Amino acid sequence: MNCRARAAIIGLLGVLVLLGTAACSSSDNRRPATTQAAPGIEVVRVVPQTRADLPAGLVRIEYTSRLDGASDWALALPPDEGRTWVVCIHGHGSAGDQLYKRADVRRAWLPTFQKEHFGILTPNLRGNAWMSPKAAADLNGLLQYVRTEYKADRFVLASASMGGTSNLIYAVLYPKDASAVVALCPATDLTSYYQWCRQRPQDAVLQQIADAIASAYGGPPDERPEPYRAHSALSHAQRLTMPVFIAHGAQDAVIPVSQSRMLADSFKAAKLHYREIPEGHHDTPIQSMTDGIEWVVKRMR
């Protein structure tokens, strides 16, 4: 090949590189600024929340699941300093704004989260999903998004009831995502809890919970044992190597205290603190959130 031919080929290659770069740049410019992607979810838009009763800086993250295209949302309040976030999942019958709408929860929890300078993520997470496989995949995508968008590097999972149950399930599924867990009045094994609910047919609330669990998991435990087994914190307690704080009322008529006792009895790690409140009912442990956060934060350092 002579010098003139070689020069022509080199010049052509340079043009092709420039065209490719321009095409990539043009494609990037066409992407809507409000659309972000993360594993598991596709964020459609982020909407600032400006109501006077909500904290300044709160945004609503609207997204679709890459599993099945389901639309959902979460509220995010970026931290004023630091890169630790608390993930607060709502209870059964509530939604992703429970932390801000339910007065007793807001009074007991929000100042504690803000005192620690946590970012706060409150996902709706498919409603009454009890950390089903699809809900877990969506939350994993949300956390990836928060890492990318807000530079989060640690997550404290802190919730009660269905939320506390969900915290423990997610922590055994994705232990690297959980720097600590605060679970108030949780169910630690959905199979036995589902059966306990069905044994009380006169209690309409328990039947609604059992129906929701069966719907989220694609059927009752006897028909779908594998997802229930995989999502049992009790069966996979050895994965809970992070600090774990559990509080439960001994008189709880919604989620029996036996659920927490089973996990506490099988938990050999030194990083578990179990508090049983002798006269406590289902909502009593709400007041334990401050103690729980203080306990796990000391052990995260």
C-alpha atoms as a PDB file:
ATOM      1  CA  MET A   1       0.000   0.000   0.000  1.00  0.00           C
ATOM      2  CA  ASN A   2       1.473   3.374  -1.010  1.00  0.00           C
ATOM      3  CA  CYS A   3       1.573   6.422   1.236  1.00  0.00           C
ATOM      4  CA  ARG A   4      -1.299   8.160  -0.563  1.00  0.00           C
ATOM      5  CA  ALA A   5      -3.661   5.189  -0.067  1.00  0.00           C
ATOM      6  CA  ARG A   6      -2.654   4.828   3.584  1.00  0.00           C
ATOM      7  CA  ALA A   7      -3.364   8.507   4.218  1.00  0.00           C
ATOM      8  CA  ALA A   8      -6.778   8.211   2.572  1.00  0.00           C
ATOM      9  CA  ILE A   9      -7.741   5.258   4.778  1.00  0.00           C
ATOM     10  CA  ILE A  10      -6.585   7.049   7.948  1.00  0.00           C
ATOM     11  CA  GLY A  11      -8.598  10.113   6.959  1.00  0.00           C
ATOM     12  CA  LEU A  12     -11.713   8.022   6.345  1.00  0.00           C
ATOM     13  CA  LEU A  13     -11.354   6.357   9.752  1.00  0.00           C
ATOM     14  CA  GLY A  14     -11.111   9.747  11.405  1.00  0.00           C
ATOM     15  CA  VAL A  15     -14.333  10.892   9.759  1.00  0.00           C
ATOM     16  CA  LEU A  16     -16.122   7.739  10.909  1.00  0.00           C
ATOM     17  CA  VAL A  17     -14.967   8.303  14.515  1.00  0.00           C
ATOM     18  CA  LEU A  18     -16.206  11.880  14.435  1.00  0.00           C
ATOM     19  CA  LEU A  19     -19.563  10.809  13.025  1.00  0.00           C
ATOM     20  CA  GLY A  20     -19.918   8.157  15.733  1.00  0.00           C
ATOM     21  CA  THR A  21     -19.127  10.653  18.476  1.00  0.00           C
ATOM     22  CA  ALA A  22     -21.633  13.134  17.091  1.00  0.00           C
ATOM     23  CA  ALA A  23     -24.309  10.461  16.869  1.00  0.00           C
ATOM     24  CA  CYS A  24     -23.768   9.487  20.517  1.00  0.00           C
ATOM     25  CA  SER A  25     -23.887  13.106  21.594  1.00  0.00           C
ATOM     26  CA  SER A  26     -27.070  13.698  19.608  1.00  0.00           C
ATOM     27  CA  SER A  27     -28.667  10.620  21.138  1.00  0.00           C
ATOM     28  CA  ASP A  28     -27.747  11.794  24.652  1.00  0.00           C
ATOM     29  CA  ASN A  29     -29.213  15.222  23.962  1.00  0.00           C
ATOM     30  CA  ARG A  30     -32.503  13.692  22.815  1.00  0.00           C
ATOM     31  CA  ARG A  31     -32.957  11.749  26.079  1.00  0.00           C
ATOM     32  CA  PRO A  32     -35.462  13.587  28.297  1.00  0.00           C
ATOM     33  CA  ALA A  33     -33.762  15.154  31.297  1.00  0.00           C
ATOM     34  CA  THR A  34     -36.376  13.657  33.634  1.00  0.00           C
ATOM     35  CA  THR A  35     -35.780  10.047  32.562  1.00  0.00           C
ATOM     36  CA  GLN A  36     -33.183   8.016  34.458  1.00  0.00           C
ATOM     37  CA  ALA A  37     -32.465   4.302  34.430  1.00  0.00           C
ATOM     38  CA  ALA A  38     -31.435   1.917  37.189  1.00  0.00           C
ATOM     39  CA  PRO A  39     -31.339  -1.877  37.463  1.00  0.00           C
ATOM     40  CA  GLY A  40     -34.869  -3.112  38.040  1.00  0.00           C
ATOM     41  CA  ILE A  41     -36.693   0.155  37.439  1.00  0.00           C
ATOM     42  CA  GLU A  42     -37.016   2.951  34.907  1.00  0.00           C
ATOM     43  CA  VAL A  43     -37.500   6.339  36.542  1.00  0.00           C
ATOM     44  CA  VAL A  44     -39.986   8.365  34.500  1.00  0.00           C
ATOM     45  CA  ARG A  45     -39.888  11.663  36.339  1.00  0.00           C
ATOM     46  CA  VAL A  46     -38.920  13.288  39.629  1.00  0.00           C
ATOM     47  CA  VAL A  47     -41.452  15.789  40.949  1.00  0.00           C
ATOM     48  CA  PRO A  48     -40.671  18.284  43.760  1.00  0.00           C
ATOM     49  CA  GLN A  49     -43.286  18.216  46.539  1.00  0.00           C
ATOM     50  CA  THR A  50     -44.201  21.747  47.557  1.00  0.00           C
ATOM     51  CA  ARG A  51     -47.012  21.294  50.069  1.00  0.00           C
ATOM     52  CA  ALA A  52     -46.491  23.293  53.244  1.00  0.00           C
ATOM     53  CA  ASP A  53     -46.924  20.235  55.475  1.00  0.00           C
ATOM     54  CA  LEU A  54     -44.069  18.349  53.789  1.00  0.00           C
ATOM     55  CA  PRO A  55     -40.339  18.849  54.424  1.00  0.00           C
ATOM     56  CA  ALA A  56     -38.492  21.168  52.066  1.00  0.00           C
ATOM     57  CA  GLY A  57     -36.578  19.278  49.388  1.00  0.00           C
ATOM     58  CA  LEU A  58     -38.907  16.265  49.277  1.00  0.00           C
ATOM     59  CA  VAL A  59     -39.366  14.768  45.790  1.00  0.00           C
ATOM     60  CA  ARG A  60     -41.636  12.088  44.356  1.00  0.00           C
ATOM     61  CA  ILE A  61     -39.822   9.533  42.209  1.00  0.00           C
ATOM     62  CA  GLU A  62     -42.189   7.973  39.674  1.00  0.00           C
ATOM     63  CA  TYR A  63     -40.996   4.828  37.940  1.00  0.00           C
ATOM     64  CA  THR A  64     -41.963   1.648  36.140  1.00  0.00           C
ATOM     65  CA  SER A  65     -40.706  -1.820  37.000  1.00  0.00           C
ATOM     66  CA  ARG A  66     -38.616  -3.554  34.375  1.00  0.00           C
ATOM     67  CA  LEU A  67     -40.088  -6.853  35.521  1.00  0.00           C
ATOM     68  CA  ASP A  68     -43.634  -6.234  34.373  1.00  0.00           C
ATOM     69  CA  GLY A  69     -44.032  -2.533  33.557  1.00  0.00           C
ATOM     70  CA  ALA A  70     -45.956  -1.796  36.762  1.00  0.00           C
ATOM     71  CA  SER A  71     -46.046   1.893  37.680  1.00  0.00           C
ATOM     72  CA  ASP A  72     -45.104   2.926  41.209  1.00  0.00           C
ATOM     73  CA  TRP A  73     -43.529   5.723  43.209  1.00  0.00           C
ATOM     74  CA  ALA A  74     -41.416   6.637  46.208  1.00  0.00           C
ATOM     75  CA  LEU A  75     -40.715   9.798  48.177  1.00  0.00           C
ATOM     76  CA  ALA A  76     -37.104  10.857  48.679  1.00  0.00           C
ATOM     77  CA  LEU A  77     -35.668  13.510  50.966  1.00  0.00           C
ATOM     78  CA  PRO A  78     -31.934  13.964  50.283  1.00  0.00           C
ATOM     79  CA  PRO A  79     -29.745  14.479  53.358  1.00  0.00           C
ATOM     80  CA  ASP A  80     -28.388  17.873  54.319  1.00  0.00           C
ATOM     81  CA  GLU A  81     -25.051  16.166  54.964  1.00  0.00           C
ATOM     82  CA  GLY A  82     -23.585  12.684  54.764  1.00  0.00           C
ATOM     83  CA  ARG A  83     -24.412   9.737  52.514  1.00  0.00           C
ATOM     84  CA  THR A  84     -26.456   7.465  54.781  1.00  0.00           C
ATOM     85  CA  TRP A  85     -30.133   6.920  53.943  1.00  0.00           C
ATOM     86  CA  VAL A  86     -32.936   5.385  55.947  1.00  0.00           C
ATOM     87  CA  VAL A  87     -35.424   3.244  54.011  1.00  0.00           C
ATOM     88  CA  CYS A  88     -38.812   3.445  55.725  1.00  0.00           C
ATOM     89  CA  ILE A  89     -41.433   1.078  54.312  1.00  0.00           C
ATOM     90  CA  HIS A  90     -45.081   1.663  55.206  1.00  0.00           C
ATOM     91  CA  GLY A  91     -47.379  -0.695  57.064  1.00  0.00           C
ATOM     92  CA  HIS A  92     -50.224  -2.761  55.635  1.00  0.00           C
ATOM     93  CA  GLY A  93     -53.072  -0.561  54.416  1.00  0.00           C
ATOM     94  CA  SER A  94     -50.919   2.551  54.109  1.00  0.00           C
ATOM     95  CA  ALA A  95     -48.805   3.982  51.280  1.00  0.00           C
ATOM     96  CA  GLY A  96     -45.387   5.466  50.616  1.00  0.00           C
ATOM     97  CA  ASP A  97     -46.309   8.745  52.330  1.00  0.00           C
ATOM     98  CA  GLN A  98     -47.176   7.162  55.702  1.00  0.00           C
ATOM     99  CA  LEU A  99     -44.155   8.718  57.410  1.00  0.00           C
ATOM    100  CA  TYR A 100     -45.518  12.193  56.592  1.00  0.00           C
ATOM    101  CA  LYS A 101     -49.271  11.565  56.838  1.00  0.00           C
ATOM    102  CA  ARG A 102     -49.678   9.420  59.973  1.00  0.00           C
ATOM    103  CA  ALA A 103     -49.309  11.801  62.905  1.00  0.00           C
ATOM    104  CA  ASP A 104     -47.952   9.394  65.547  1.00  0.00           C
ATOM    105  CA  VAL A 105     -45.405   7.894  63.152  1.00  0.00           C
ATOM    106  CA  ARG A 106     -44.275  11.315  61.964  1.00  0.00           C
ATOM    107  CA  ARG A 107     -43.819  12.629  65.515  1.00  0.00           C
ATOM    108  CA  ALA A 108     -41.921   9.550  66.681  1.00  0.00           C
ATOM    109  CA  TRP A 109     -39.747   8.886  63.637  1.00  0.00           C
ATOM    110  CA  LEU A 110     -39.130  11.921  61.441  1.00  0.00           C
ATOM    111  CA  PRO A 111     -37.165  13.987  64.025  1.00  0.00           C
ATOM    112  CA  THR A 112     -34.998  10.941  64.770  1.00  0.00           C
ATOM    113  CA  PHE A 113     -34.151  10.414  61.100  1.00  0.00           C
ATOM    114  CA  GLN A 114     -33.406  14.105  60.626  1.00  0.00           C
ATOM    115  CA  LYS A 115     -31.280  14.299  63.779  1.00  0.00           C
ATOM    116  CA  GLU A 116     -29.007  11.635  62.264  1.00  0.00           C
ATOM    117  CA  HIS A 117     -28.871  13.622  58.995  1.00  0.00           C
ATOM    118  CA  PHE A 118     -30.213  10.644  57.067  1.00  0.00           C
ATOM    119  CA  GLY A 119     -31.542  10.865  53.583  1.00  0.00           C
ATOM    120  CA  ILE A 120     -35.048   9.395  53.720  1.00  0.00           C
ATOM    121  CA  LEU A 121     -36.563   7.026  51.152  1.00  0.00           C
ATOM    122  CA  THR A 122     -40.203   6.007  51.656  1.00  0.00           C
ATOM    123  CA  PRO A 123     -41.248   3.674  48.822  1.00  0.00           C
ATOM    124  CA  ASN A 124     -44.830   2.745  48.023  1.00  0.00           C
ATOM    125  CA  LEU A 125     -43.471  -0.616  46.844  1.00  0.00           C
ATOM    126  CA  ARG A 126     -46.557  -2.177  45.222  1.00  0.00           C
ATOM    127  CA  GLY A 127     -48.823  -1.353  48.160  1.00  0.00           C
ATOM    128  CA  ASN A 128     -49.505  -4.293  50.483  1.00  0.00           C
ATOM    129  CA  ALA A 129     -46.781  -6.459  48.951  1.00  0.00           C
ATOM    130  CA  TRP A 130     -45.026  -7.796  52.078  1.00  0.00           C
ATOM    131  CA  MET A 131     -41.655  -7.718  50.234  1.00  0.00           C
ATOM    132  CA  SER A 132     -42.760 -10.164  47.553  1.00  0.00           C
ATOM    133  CA  PRO A 133     -40.207 -11.111  44.858  1.00  0.00           C
ATOM    134  CA  LYS A 134     -41.375  -8.275  42.601  1.00  0.00           C
ATOM    135  CA  ALA A 135     -41.329  -5.746  45.438  1.00  0.00           C
ATOM    136  CA  ALA A 136     -37.815  -6.827  46.429  1.00  0.00           C
ATOM    137  CA  ALA A 137     -36.590  -6.423  42.853  1.00  0.00           C
ATOM    138  CA  ASP A 138     -38.168  -2.962  42.652  1.00  0.00           C
ATOM    139  CA  LEU A 139     -36.561  -1.872  45.928  1.00  0.00           C
ATOM    140  CA  ASN A 140     -33.194  -3.105  44.734  1.00  0.00           C
ATOM    141  CA  GLY A 141     -33.621  -0.931  41.658  1.00  0.00           C
ATOM    142  CA  LEU A 142     -34.649   2.054  43.783  1.00  0.00           C
ATOM    143  CA  LEU A 143     -31.568   1.734  45.964  1.00  0.00           C
ATOM    144  CA  GLN A 144     -29.356   1.539  42.899  1.00  0.00           C
ATOM    145  CA  TYR A 145     -30.993   4.723  41.640  1.00  0.00           C
ATOM    146  CA  VAL A 146     -30.439   6.508  44.968  1.00  0.00           C
ATOM    147  CA  ARG A 147     -26.796   5.439  44.934  1.00  0.00           C
ATOM    148  CA  THR A 148     -26.325   6.853  41.459  1.00  0.00           C
ATOM    149  CA  GLU A 149     -28.444   9.979  41.765  1.00  0.00           C
ATOM    150  CA  TYR A 150     -27.696  11.009  45.352  1.00  0.00           C
ATOM    151  CA  LYS A 151     -24.339   9.267  46.011  1.00  0.00           C
ATOM    152  CA  ALA A 152     -25.771   7.201  48.884  1.00  0.00           C
ATOM    153  CA  ASP A 153     -23.337   4.645  50.286  1.00  0.00           C
ATOM    154  CA  ARG A 154     -25.203   3.154  53.289  1.00  0.00           C
ATOM    155  CA  PHE A 155     -28.825   2.190  53.931  1.00  0.00           C
ATOM    156  CA  VAL A 156     -30.547   1.692  57.285  1.00  0.00           C
ATOM    157  CA  LEU A 157     -33.810  -0.233  56.889  1.00  0.00           C
ATOM    158  CA  ALA A 158     -36.152   1.067  59.613  1.00  0.00           C
ATOM    159  CA  SER A 159     -39.891   0.392  59.688  1.00  0.00           C
ATOM    160  CA  ALA A 160     -42.711  -1.325  61.579  1.00  0.00           C
ATOM    161  CA  SER A 161     -45.312  -4.049  61.030  1.00  0.00           C
ATOM    162  CA  MET A 162     -45.407  -4.956  57.322  1.00  0.00           C
ATOM    163  CA  GLY A 163     -42.533  -2.510  56.872  1.00  0.00           C
ATOM    164  CA  GLY A 164     -40.480  -4.172  59.613  1.00  0.00           C
ATOM    165  CA  THR A 165     -41.236  -7.564  58.068  1.00  0.00           C
ATOM    166  CA  SER A 166     -40.127  -6.229  54.699  1.00  0.00           C
ATOM    167  CA  ASN A 167     -36.885  -4.872  56.192  1.00  0.00           C
ATOM    168  CA  LEU A 168     -35.868  -8.293  57.467  1.00  0.00           C
ATOM    169  CA  ILE A 169     -36.811 -10.053  54.239  1.00  0.00           C
ATOM    170  CA  TYR A 170     -34.877  -7.573  52.104  1.00  0.00           C
ATOM    171  CA  ALA A 171     -31.857  -7.802  54.421  1.00  0.00           C
ATOM    172  CA  VAL A 172     -31.611 -11.583  53.975  1.00  0.00           C
ATOM    173  CA  LEU A 173     -32.119 -11.270  50.211  1.00  0.00           C
ATOM    174  CA  TYR A 174     -29.642  -8.400  49.726  1.00  0.00           C
ATOM    175  CA  PRO A 175     -27.482  -8.248  52.885  1.00  0.00           C
ATOM    176  CA  LYS A 176     -24.936  -5.971  51.214  1.00  0.00           C
ATOM    177  CA  ASP A 177     -27.661  -3.331  50.835  1.00  0.00           C
ATOM    178  CA  ALA A 178     -28.439  -3.235  54.568  1.00  0.00           C
ATOM    179  CA  SER A 179     -25.963  -1.520  56.877  1.00  0.00           C
ATOM    180  CA  ALA A 180     -28.446  -1.967  59.737  1.00  0.00           C
ATOM    181  CA  VAL A 181     -32.062  -2.999  60.368  1.00  0.00           C
ATOM    182  CA  VAL A 182     -34.673  -1.656  62.770  1.00  0.00           C
ATOM    183  CA  ALA A 183     -37.770  -3.891  62.651  1.00  0.00           C
ATOM    184  CA  LEU A 184     -40.646  -3.026  64.973  1.00  0.00           C
ATOM    185  CA  CYS A 185     -43.396  -5.645  65.529  1.00  0.00           C
ATOM    186  CA  PRO A 186     -42.379  -7.692  62.456  1.00  0.00           C
ATOM    187  CA  ALA A 187     -43.333 -11.101  61.105  1.00  0.00           C
ATOM    188  CA  THR A 188     -40.138 -13.102  60.671  1.00  0.00           C
ATOM    189  CA  ASP A 189     -41.614 -16.036  58.750  1.00  0.00           C
ATOM    190  CA  LEU A 190     -44.518 -15.416  56.376  1.00  0.00           C
ATOM    191  CA  THR A 191     -45.540 -19.061  56.101  1.00  0.00           C
ATOM    192  CA  SER A 192     -46.285 -19.448  59.807  1.00  0.00           C
ATOM    193  CA  TYR A 193     -47.712 -15.924  60.017  1.00  0.00           C
ATOM    194  CA  TYR A 194     -50.055 -16.579  57.080  1.00  0.00           C
ATOM    195  CA  GLN A 195     -51.271 -19.772  58.763  1.00  0.00           C
ATOM    196  CA  TRP A 196     -51.750 -17.910  62.068  1.00  0.00           C
ATOM    197  CA  CYS A 197     -53.933 -15.336  60.286  1.00  0.00           C
ATOM    198  CA  ARG A 198     -56.047 -18.015  58.588  1.00  0.00           C
ATOM    199  CA  GLN A 199     -56.655 -19.701  61.933  1.00  0.00           C
ATOM    200  CA  ARG A 200     -58.569 -16.563  63.004  1.00  0.00           C
ATOM    201  CA  PRO A 201     -61.318 -16.286  60.372  1.00  0.00           C
ATOM    202  CA  GLN A 202     -63.391 -14.027  62.604  1.00  0.00           C
ATOM    203  CA  ASP A 203     -60.761 -11.258  62.354  1.00  0.00           C
ATOM    204  CA  ALA A 204     -61.419  -9.345  59.129  1.00  0.00           C
ATOM    205  CA  VAL A 205     -58.115  -7.434  59.264  1.00  0.00           C
ATOM    206  CA  LEU A 206     -56.091 -10.636  59.533  1.00  0.00           C
ATOM    207  CA  GLN A 207     -57.994 -12.128  56.604  1.00  0.00           C
ATOM    208  CA  GLN A 208     -57.245  -9.023  54.521  1.00  0.00           C
ATOM    209  CA  ILE A 209     -53.559  -9.390  55.405  1.00  0.00           C
ATOM    210  CA  ALA A 210     -53.562 -13.083  54.480  1.00  0.00           C
ATOM    211  CA  ASP A 211     -55.315 -12.307  51.187  1.00  0.00           C
ATOM    212  CA  ALA A 212     -52.742  -9.616  50.395  1.00  0.00           C
ATOM    213  CA  ILE A 213     -49.816 -11.935  51.156  1.00  0.00           C
ATOM    214  CA  ALA A 214     -51.256 -14.713  48.973  1.00  0.00           C
ATOM    215  CA  SER A 215     -51.895 -12.247  46.147  1.00  0.00           C
ATOM    216  CA  ALA A 216     -48.376 -10.765  46.327  1.00  0.00           C
ATOM    217  CA  TYR A 217     -46.697 -14.180  46.412  1.00  0.00           C
ATOM    218  CA  GLY A 218     -48.830 -15.786  43.709  1.00  0.00           C
ATOM    219  CA  GLY A 219     -50.754 -18.037  46.086  1.00  0.00           C
ATOM    220  CA  PRO A 220     -50.717 -19.362  49.672  1.00  0.00           C
ATOM    221  CA  PRO A 221     -47.610 -21.042  51.122  1.00  0.00           C
ATOM    222  CA  ASP A 222     -48.850 -24.602  50.500  1.00  0.00           C
ATOM    223  CA  GLU A 223     -49.137 -23.827  46.788  1.00  0.00           C
ATOM    224  CA  ARG A 224     -46.026 -21.641  46.469  1.00  0.00           C
ATOM    225  CA  PRO A 225     -43.554 -22.835  49.119  1.00  0.00           C
ATOM    226  CA  GLU A 226     -40.368 -21.714  47.379  1.00  0.00           C
ATOM    227  CA  PRO A 227     -40.853 -17.918  47.375  1.00  0.00           C
ATOM    228  CA  TYR A 228     -42.070 -18.053  50.974  1.00  0.00           C
ATOM    229  CA  ARG A 229     -39.012 -20.061  51.993  1.00  0.00           C
ATOM    230  CA  ALA A 230     -36.657 -17.723  50.126  1.00  0.00           C
ATOM    231  CA  HIS A 231     -38.286 -14.701  51.793  1.00  0.00           C
ATOM    232  CA  SER A 232     -38.186 -16.043  55.347  1.00  0.00           C
ATOM    233  CA  ALA A 233     -35.895 -14.041  57.629  1.00  0.00           C
ATOM    234  CA  LEU A 234     -36.167 -16.860  60.155  1.00  0.00           C
ATOM    235  CA  SER A 235     -34.907 -19.470  57.679  1.00  0.00           C
ATOM    236  CA  HIS A 236     -31.986 -17.277  56.623  1.00  0.00           C
ATOM    237  CA  ALA A 237     -31.085 -15.603  59.917  1.00  0.00           C
ATOM    238  CA  GLN A 238     -27.395 -16.365  59.341  1.00  0.00           C
ATOM    239  CA  ARG A 239     -27.400 -13.674  56.648  1.00  0.00           C
ATOM    240  CA  LEU A 240     -28.322 -10.977  59.166  1.00  0.00           C
ATOM    241  CA  THR A 241     -24.761 -10.053  60.047  1.00  0.00           C
ATOM    242  CA  MET A 242     -25.509  -6.326  60.251  1.00  0.00           C
ATOM    243  CA  PRO A 243     -26.767  -4.637  63.478  1.00  0.00           C
ATOM    244  CA  VAL A 244     -30.435  -5.615  63.978  1.00  0.00           C
ATOM    245  CA  PHE A 245     -32.819  -4.020  66.494  1.00  0.00           C
ATOM    246  CA  ILE A 246     -36.227  -5.641  67.041  1.00  0.00           C
ATOM    247  CA  ALA A 247     -39.003  -4.484  69.372  1.00  0.00           C
ATOM    248  CA  HIS A 248     -42.354  -6.218  69.819  1.00  0.00           C
ATOM    249  CA  GLY A 249     -45.342  -5.858  72.117  1.00  0.00           C
ATOM    250  CA  ALA A 250     -46.164  -9.037  74.037  1.00  0.00           C
ATOM    251  CA  GLN A 251     -49.906  -8.406  73.611  1.00  0.00           C
ATOM    252  CA  ASP A 252     -49.767  -7.777  69.850  1.00  0.00           C
ATOM    253  CA  ALA A 253     -52.982  -9.082  68.249  1.00  0.00           C
ATOM    254  CA  VAL A 254     -51.983  -8.274  64.644  1.00  0.00           C
ATOM    255  CA  ILE A 255     -48.552  -9.890  64.419  1.00  0.00           C
ATOM    256  CA  PRO A 256     -47.957 -12.228  67.376  1.00  0.00           C
ATOM    257  CA  VAL A 257     -44.869 -11.707  69.511  1.00  0.00           C
ATOM    258  CA  SER A 258     -43.941 -15.327  68.811  1.00  0.00           C
ATOM    259  CA  GLN A 259     -42.761 -14.160  65.393  1.00  0.00           C
ATOM    260  CA  SER A 260     -40.013 -12.016  66.928  1.00  0.00           C
ATOM    261  CA  ARG A 261     -39.255 -14.520  69.657  1.00  0.00           C
ATOM    262  CA  MET A 262     -38.507 -17.211  67.059  1.00  0.00           C
ATOM    263  CA  LEU A 263     -35.894 -15.032  65.386  1.00  0.00           C
ATOM    264  CA  ALA A 264     -34.411 -13.838  68.676  1.00  0.00           C
ATOM    265  CA  ASP A 265     -34.090 -17.435  69.897  1.00  0.00           C
ATOM    266  CA  SER A 266     -32.287 -18.551  66.731  1.00  0.00           C
ATOM    267  CA  PHE A 267     -30.093 -15.481  66.374  1.00  0.00           C
ATOM    268  CA  LYS A 268     -26.576 -16.151  67.625  1.00  0.00           C
ATOM    269  CA  ALA A 269     -24.894 -12.966  66.396  1.00  0.00           C
ATOM    270  CA  ALA A 270     -23.891 -10.332  68.930  1.00  0.00           C
ATOM    271  CA  LYS A 271     -25.368  -7.575  66.811  1.00  0.00           C
ATOM    272  CA  LEU A 272     -29.023  -8.337  67.647  1.00  0.00           C
ATOM    273  CA  HIS A 273     -30.906  -6.359  70.273  1.00  0.00           C
ATOM    274  CA  TYR A 274     -34.365  -7.711  71.073  1.00  0.00           C
ATOM    275  CA  ARG A 275     -36.783  -5.685  73.185  1.00  0.00           C
ATOM    276  CA  GLU A 276     -40.088  -7.174  74.304  1.00  0.00           C
ATOM    277  CA  ILE A 277     -42.661  -4.792  75.770  1.00  0.00           C
ATOM    278  CA  PRO A 278     -44.731  -6.781  78.309  1.00  0.00           C
ATOM    279  CA  GLU A 279     -47.991  -4.817  78.039  1.00  0.00           C
ATOM    280  CA  GLY A 280     -47.371  -3.578  74.527  1.00  0.00           C
ATOM    281  CA  HIS A 281     -49.814  -3.908  71.649  1.00  0.00           C
ATOM    282  CA  HIS A 282     -49.204  -3.669  67.909  1.00  0.00           C
ATOM    283  CA  ASP A 283     -48.566   0.084  67.800  1.00  0.00           C
ATOM    284  CA  THR A 284     -46.639   0.314  71.071  1.00  0.00           C
ATOM    285  CA  PRO A 285     -43.179  -0.292  69.507  1.00  0.00           C
ATOM    286  CA  ILE A 286     -43.607   2.816  67.347  1.00  0.00           C
ATOM    287  CA  GLN A 287     -42.067   4.722  70.245  1.00  0.00           C
ATOM    288  CA  SER A 288     -38.967   2.487  70.133  1.00  0.00           C
ATOM    289  CA  MET A 289     -37.692   3.898  66.829  1.00  0.00           C
ATOM    290  CA  THR A 290     -35.393   6.465  68.472  1.00  0.00           C
ATOM    291  CA  ASP A 291     -33.782   3.816  70.667  1.00  0.00           C
ATOM    292  CA  GLY A 292     -33.482   1.483  67.713  1.00  0.00           C
ATOM    293  CA  ILE A 293     -31.796   4.055  65.485  1.00  0.00           C
ATOM    294  CA  GLU A 294     -29.402   5.119  68.233  1.00  0.00           C
ATOM    295  CA  TRP A 295     -28.507   1.477  68.944  1.00  0.00           C
ATOM    296  CA  VAL A 296     -27.731   0.537  65.329  1.00  0.00           C
ATOM    297  CA  VAL A 297     -25.928   3.798  64.500  1.00  0.00           C
ATOM    298  CA  LYS A 298     -23.441   3.212  67.329  1.00  0.00           C
ATOM    299  CA  ARG A 299     -22.673  -0.220  65.919  1.00  0.00           C
ATOM    300  CA  MET A 300     -22.355   0.929  62.326  1.00  0.00           C
ATOM    301  CA  ARG A 301     -19.401   3.188  63.117  1.00  0.00           C
END
